[in-house]
């Protein structure tokens, strides 16, 4: 699975998450290293870095500044699903490593610019 130049947005998130459908992730990939910049909704500026395995699973670390001016950090494991139209859906389990250190889950889907 290749994440190079893919764009994703959230379609669901638990209530303790900060990512929303207005947050856009721009993924890049070099070898087994995936990075992304993200912003929108409650996120002013964020970055993630991940290692991708042979099945396309992502083991990632992320950090961002939210609209309240707080620096947030976390870990996430994302499992891909290829949709019938070829887009990628990521099923994510995550945990904050800052703040309350709570856990959550989200689903993000690739989208194509029209």
N, C-alpha and C. Protein backbone atom coordinates (compact mmCIF):
# COMPACT_ATOMS: atom_id res chain seq x y z
N UNK A 1 0.85 -1.18 0.00
CA UNK A 1 0.00 0.00 0.00
C UNK A 1 0.89 1.23 0.00
N UNK A 2 0.52 2.20 -0.81
CA UNK A 2 1.32 3.41 -0.93
C UNK A 2 0.47 4.62 -0.54
N UNK A 3 0.99 5.41 0.39
CA UNK A 3 0.27 6.59 0.89
C UNK A 3 0.74 7.89 0.25
N UNK A 4 1.64 7.81 -0.72
CA UNK A 4 2.22 9.00 -1.33
C UNK A 4 1.15 9.90 -1.94
N UNK A 5 1.14 11.17 -1.54
CA UNK A 5 0.24 12.21 -2.06
C UNK A 5 -1.23 11.94 -1.82
N UNK A 6 -1.58 11.12 -0.82
CA UNK A 6 -2.98 10.86 -0.50
C UNK A 6 -3.47 11.92 0.48
N UNK A 7 -4.77 12.25 0.37
CA UNK A 7 -5.42 13.19 1.29
C UNK A 7 -6.53 12.46 2.02
N UNK A 8 -6.64 12.70 3.32
CA UNK A 8 -7.64 12.05 4.16
C UNK A 8 -8.37 13.08 4.99
N UNK A 9 -9.61 12.74 5.38
CA UNK A 9 -10.35 13.52 6.37
C UNK A 9 -11.14 12.55 7.23
N UNK A 10 -11.46 12.98 8.45
CA UNK A 10 -12.17 12.12 9.39
C UNK A 10 -13.63 11.98 9.00
N UNK A 11 -14.15 10.76 9.14
CA UNK A 11 -15.59 10.53 8.98
C UNK A 11 -16.23 10.18 10.31
N UNK A 12 -15.41 9.81 11.31
CA UNK A 12 -15.91 9.61 12.67
C UNK A 12 -14.75 9.72 13.64
N UNK A 13 -15.07 10.11 14.88
CA UNK A 13 -14.07 10.22 15.93
C UNK A 13 -14.80 10.16 17.27
N UNK A 14 -14.14 9.63 18.28
CA UNK A 14 -14.73 9.63 19.61
C UNK A 14 -14.71 11.06 20.16
N UNK A 15 -15.54 11.31 21.17
CA UNK A 15 -15.75 12.67 21.65
C UNK A 15 -14.50 13.30 22.27
N UNK A 16 -13.54 12.51 22.70
CA UNK A 16 -12.32 13.06 23.28
C UNK A 16 -11.25 13.38 22.24
N UNK A 17 -11.57 13.21 20.96
CA UNK A 17 -10.64 13.54 19.89
C UNK A 17 -10.80 14.97 19.42
N UNK A 18 -9.81 15.47 18.72
CA UNK A 18 -9.87 16.85 18.21
C UNK A 18 -9.98 16.92 16.70
N UNK A 19 -9.75 15.83 16.01
CA UNK A 19 -9.84 15.78 14.55
C UNK A 19 -11.30 15.70 14.15
N UNK A 20 -11.67 16.44 13.11
CA UNK A 20 -13.05 16.43 12.60
C UNK A 20 -13.03 16.28 11.08
N UNK A 21 -14.21 16.29 10.49
CA UNK A 21 -14.32 16.23 9.03
C UNK A 21 -13.70 17.42 8.33
N UNK A 22 -13.45 18.50 9.08
CA UNK A 22 -12.80 19.69 8.51
C UNK A 22 -11.29 19.62 8.57
N UNK A 23 -10.75 18.58 9.21
CA UNK A 23 -9.30 18.40 9.30
C UNK A 23 -8.82 17.62 8.08
N UNK A 24 -7.84 18.16 7.36
CA UNK A 24 -7.31 17.51 6.16
C UNK A 24 -5.87 17.07 6.44
N UNK A 25 -5.60 15.81 6.11
CA UNK A 25 -4.28 15.21 6.25
C UNK A 25 -3.68 15.04 4.86
N UNK A 26 -2.45 15.50 4.67
CA UNK A 26 -1.72 15.34 3.40
C UNK A 26 -0.57 14.38 3.65
N UNK A 27 -0.69 13.17 3.15
CA UNK A 27 0.29 12.10 3.40
C UNK A 27 1.39 12.09 2.34
N UNK A 28 2.60 11.72 2.79
CA UNK A 28 3.75 11.50 1.92
C UNK A 28 4.40 10.19 2.38
N UNK A 29 5.07 9.50 1.47
CA UNK A 29 5.72 8.25 1.83
C UNK A 29 7.05 8.11 1.11
N UNK A 30 8.07 7.70 1.87
CA UNK A 30 9.38 7.35 1.33
C UNK A 30 9.76 6.01 1.97
N UNK A 31 9.83 4.97 1.15
CA UNK A 31 10.10 3.64 1.70
C UNK A 31 9.01 3.26 2.68
N UNK A 32 9.37 2.84 3.88
CA UNK A 32 8.37 2.45 4.87
C UNK A 32 8.07 3.57 5.87
N UNK A 33 8.49 4.80 5.55
CA UNK A 33 8.24 5.95 6.41
C UNK A 33 7.15 6.81 5.79
N UNK A 34 6.11 7.06 6.57
CA UNK A 34 4.99 7.90 6.14
C UNK A 34 4.96 9.14 7.03
N UNK A 35 4.77 10.29 6.42
CA UNK A 35 4.61 11.53 7.17
C UNK A 35 3.35 12.22 6.66
N UNK A 36 2.83 13.13 7.47
CA UNK A 36 1.69 13.93 7.03
C UNK A 36 1.68 15.24 7.78
N UNK A 37 1.17 16.25 7.11
CA UNK A 37 0.82 17.52 7.73
C UNK A 37 -0.70 17.56 7.78
N UNK A 38 -1.24 18.14 8.84
CA UNK A 38 -2.69 18.25 8.93
C UNK A 38 -3.11 19.53 9.62
N UNK A 39 -4.29 20.01 9.24
CA UNK A 39 -4.86 21.22 9.82
C UNK A 39 -6.33 21.29 9.43
N UNK A 40 -7.03 22.19 10.09
CA UNK A 40 -8.45 22.40 9.81
C UNK A 40 -9.31 22.00 10.99
N UNK A 41 -10.50 22.58 11.05
CA UNK A 41 -11.37 22.32 12.20
C UNK A 41 -10.70 22.86 13.45
N UNK A 42 -10.55 22.01 14.46
CA UNK A 42 -9.94 22.42 15.72
C UNK A 42 -8.44 22.37 15.74
N UNK A 43 -7.81 22.05 14.60
CA UNK A 43 -6.36 21.89 14.53
C UNK A 43 -5.76 23.05 13.73
N UNK A 44 -4.83 23.78 14.35
CA UNK A 44 -4.14 24.87 13.66
C UNK A 44 -3.01 24.32 12.79
N UNK A 45 -2.19 23.43 13.37
CA UNK A 45 -1.05 22.88 12.64
C UNK A 45 -0.65 21.58 13.30
N UNK A 46 -0.54 20.51 12.50
CA UNK A 46 -0.15 19.22 13.04
C UNK A 46 0.73 18.44 12.10
N UNK A 47 1.46 17.48 12.68
CA UNK A 47 2.35 16.60 11.92
C UNK A 47 2.25 15.20 12.49
N UNK A 48 2.45 14.21 11.64
CA UNK A 48 2.57 12.85 12.11
C UNK A 48 3.69 12.16 11.37
N UNK A 49 4.24 11.12 12.01
CA UNK A 49 5.25 10.28 11.39
C UNK A 49 4.88 8.84 11.74
N UNK A 50 5.04 7.94 10.78
CA UNK A 50 4.62 6.56 10.98
C UNK A 50 5.54 5.61 10.23
N UNK A 51 5.55 4.39 10.71
CA UNK A 51 6.15 3.29 9.97
C UNK A 51 5.01 2.46 9.41
N UNK A 52 5.12 2.07 8.15
CA UNK A 52 4.08 1.27 7.50
C UNK A 52 4.63 -0.14 7.29
N UNK A 53 3.78 -1.15 7.57
CA UNK A 53 4.21 -2.54 7.37
C UNK A 53 3.71 -3.06 6.03
N UNK A 54 3.96 -4.34 5.76
CA UNK A 54 3.63 -4.94 4.46
C UNK A 54 2.12 -4.94 4.18
N UNK A 55 1.29 -4.92 5.22
CA UNK A 55 -0.17 -4.90 5.04
C UNK A 55 -0.73 -3.48 4.97
N UNK A 56 0.13 -2.47 5.09
CA UNK A 56 -0.32 -1.09 5.03
C UNK A 56 -0.70 -0.51 6.37
N UNK A 57 -0.52 -1.28 7.47
CA UNK A 57 -0.80 -0.77 8.81
C UNK A 57 0.19 0.33 9.17
N UNK A 58 -0.29 1.34 9.87
CA UNK A 58 0.54 2.48 10.26
C UNK A 58 0.70 2.52 11.77
N UNK A 59 1.94 2.56 12.23
CA UNK A 59 2.27 2.76 13.64
C UNK A 59 2.81 4.17 13.74
N UNK A 60 2.01 5.10 14.30
CA UNK A 60 2.35 6.51 14.18
C UNK A 60 2.43 7.24 15.51
N UNK A 61 3.10 8.37 15.46
CA UNK A 61 3.15 9.35 16.53
C UNK A 61 2.72 10.67 15.91
N UNK A 62 1.97 11.46 16.68
CA UNK A 62 1.48 12.73 16.15
C UNK A 62 1.58 13.83 17.19
N UNK A 63 1.62 15.05 16.68
CA UNK A 63 1.56 16.23 17.55
C UNK A 63 0.90 17.36 16.77
N UNK A 64 0.17 18.20 17.51
CA UNK A 64 -0.46 19.36 16.87
C UNK A 64 -0.72 20.45 17.90
N UNK A 65 -0.99 21.64 17.38
CA UNK A 65 -1.47 22.76 18.18
C UNK A 65 -2.92 22.97 17.81
N UNK A 66 -3.78 23.00 18.84
CA UNK A 66 -5.21 23.18 18.58
C UNK A 66 -5.58 24.67 18.62
N UNK A 67 -6.85 24.98 18.36
CA UNK A 67 -7.29 26.37 18.29
C UNK A 67 -7.25 27.06 19.65
N UNK A 68 -7.14 26.29 20.73
CA UNK A 68 -6.98 26.88 22.07
C UNK A 68 -5.52 27.21 22.36
N UNK A 69 -4.61 26.91 21.42
CA UNK A 69 -3.20 27.18 21.60
C UNK A 69 -2.48 26.13 22.41
N UNK A 70 -3.08 24.95 22.56
CA UNK A 70 -2.48 23.87 23.34
C UNK A 70 -1.71 22.92 22.42
N UNK A 71 -0.56 22.46 22.90
CA UNK A 71 0.22 21.44 22.20
C UNK A 71 -0.26 20.07 22.66
N UNK A 72 -0.70 19.24 21.72
CA UNK A 72 -1.21 17.91 22.01
C UNK A 72 -0.34 16.88 21.32
N UNK A 73 -0.12 15.74 21.98
CA UNK A 73 0.69 14.66 21.40
C UNK A 73 -0.03 13.33 21.60
N UNK A 74 0.29 12.36 20.72
CA UNK A 74 -0.34 11.06 20.87
C UNK A 74 0.29 9.99 20.00
N UNK A 75 -0.23 8.78 20.19
CA UNK A 75 0.17 7.61 19.41
C UNK A 75 -1.08 7.05 18.75
N UNK A 76 -0.90 6.40 17.61
CA UNK A 76 -2.04 5.87 16.86
C UNK A 76 -1.62 4.65 16.06
N UNK A 77 -2.52 3.68 15.98
CA UNK A 77 -2.34 2.53 15.10
C UNK A 77 -3.50 2.55 14.11
N UNK A 78 -3.18 2.54 12.81
CA UNK A 78 -4.19 2.63 11.76
C UNK A 78 -4.15 1.38 10.88
N UNK A 79 -5.32 0.79 10.69
CA UNK A 79 -5.45 -0.41 9.85
C UNK A 79 -6.24 -0.02 8.60
N UNK A 80 -5.66 -0.25 7.40
CA UNK A 80 -6.32 0.18 6.17
C UNK A 80 -7.39 -0.79 5.68
N UNK A 81 -8.36 -0.21 5.00
CA UNK A 81 -9.38 -0.96 4.26
C UNK A 81 -9.46 -0.30 2.89
N UNK A 82 -9.42 -1.08 1.82
CA UNK A 82 -9.57 -0.53 0.48
C UNK A 82 -11.05 -0.57 0.12
N UNK A 83 -11.62 0.59 -0.16
CA UNK A 83 -13.03 0.71 -0.50
C UNK A 83 -13.27 0.25 -1.94
N UNK A 84 -14.51 -0.08 -2.29
CA UNK A 84 -14.81 -0.55 -3.65
C UNK A 84 -14.35 0.40 -4.76
N UNK A 85 -14.34 1.72 -4.48
CA UNK A 85 -13.91 2.68 -5.50
C UNK A 85 -12.39 2.90 -5.51
N UNK A 86 -11.64 2.14 -4.67
CA UNK A 86 -10.20 2.23 -4.64
C UNK A 86 -9.62 3.16 -3.59
N UNK A 87 -10.48 3.97 -2.95
CA UNK A 87 -9.99 4.85 -1.89
C UNK A 87 -9.62 4.02 -0.65
N UNK A 88 -8.80 4.62 0.21
CA UNK A 88 -8.37 3.96 1.44
C UNK A 88 -9.15 4.52 2.61
N UNK A 89 -9.64 3.63 3.46
CA UNK A 89 -10.25 4.00 4.74
C UNK A 89 -9.33 3.47 5.84
N UNK A 90 -8.99 4.32 6.81
CA UNK A 90 -8.14 3.91 7.91
C UNK A 90 -8.95 3.81 9.20
N UNK A 91 -8.91 2.65 9.83
CA UNK A 91 -9.55 2.41 11.12
C UNK A 91 -8.48 2.62 12.18
N UNK A 92 -8.68 3.62 13.04
CA UNK A 92 -7.62 4.06 13.93
C UNK A 92 -7.98 3.86 15.40
N UNK A 93 -7.02 3.39 16.17
CA UNK A 93 -7.09 3.40 17.62
C UNK A 93 -5.94 4.28 18.10
N UNK A 94 -6.23 5.18 19.01
CA UNK A 94 -5.23 6.17 19.40
C UNK A 94 -5.30 6.44 20.89
N UNK A 95 -4.23 7.09 21.37
CA UNK A 95 -4.18 7.51 22.77
C UNK A 95 -3.39 8.80 22.86
N UNK A 96 -3.92 9.75 23.64
CA UNK A 96 -3.18 10.96 23.93
C UNK A 96 -1.99 10.61 24.81
N UNK A 97 -0.83 11.23 24.55
CA UNK A 97 0.32 11.11 25.46
C UNK A 97 0.51 12.44 26.19
N UNK A 98 -0.43 13.33 26.05
CA UNK A 98 -0.47 14.59 26.79
C UNK A 98 -1.88 14.73 27.35
N UNK A 99 -2.08 15.72 28.18
CA UNK A 99 -3.40 15.94 28.75
C UNK A 99 -3.85 14.77 29.60
N UNK A 100 -5.06 14.28 29.34
CA UNK A 100 -5.64 13.22 30.19
C UNK A 100 -5.20 11.81 29.80
N UNK A 101 -4.42 11.67 28.74
CA UNK A 101 -3.91 10.37 28.27
C UNK A 101 -5.03 9.37 27.96
N UNK A 102 -6.20 9.88 27.60
CA UNK A 102 -7.33 9.01 27.27
C UNK A 102 -7.14 8.36 25.91
N UNK A 103 -7.94 7.32 25.67
CA UNK A 103 -7.89 6.57 24.42
C UNK A 103 -9.13 6.87 23.59
N UNK A 104 -9.03 6.61 22.28
CA UNK A 104 -10.17 6.81 21.41
C UNK A 104 -10.02 6.04 20.11
N UNK A 105 -10.98 6.22 19.25
CA UNK A 105 -10.94 5.59 17.93
C UNK A 105 -11.54 6.55 16.91
N UNK A 106 -11.07 6.41 15.69
CA UNK A 106 -11.55 7.26 14.61
C UNK A 106 -11.47 6.51 13.30
N UNK A 107 -12.16 7.04 12.30
CA UNK A 107 -12.09 6.52 10.94
C UNK A 107 -11.80 7.71 10.05
N UNK A 108 -10.76 7.58 9.23
CA UNK A 108 -10.46 8.62 8.24
C UNK A 108 -10.50 7.98 6.86
N UNK A 109 -10.94 8.74 5.87
CA UNK A 109 -11.06 8.24 4.51
C UNK A 109 -10.32 9.14 3.54
N UNK A 110 -9.73 8.50 2.55
CA UNK A 110 -9.11 9.23 1.47
C UNK A 110 -10.19 9.97 0.69
N UNK A 111 -9.86 11.15 0.21
CA UNK A 111 -10.76 11.86 -0.69
C UNK A 111 -9.98 12.38 -1.87
N UNK A 112 -10.67 12.54 -2.97
CA UNK A 112 -10.07 13.04 -4.19
C UNK A 112 -10.58 14.44 -4.43
N UNK A 113 -9.67 15.35 -4.80
CA UNK A 113 -10.08 16.71 -5.15
C UNK A 113 -10.93 16.66 -6.42
N UNK A 114 -12.00 17.47 -6.44
CA UNK A 114 -12.84 17.49 -7.63
C UNK A 114 -12.44 18.55 -8.60
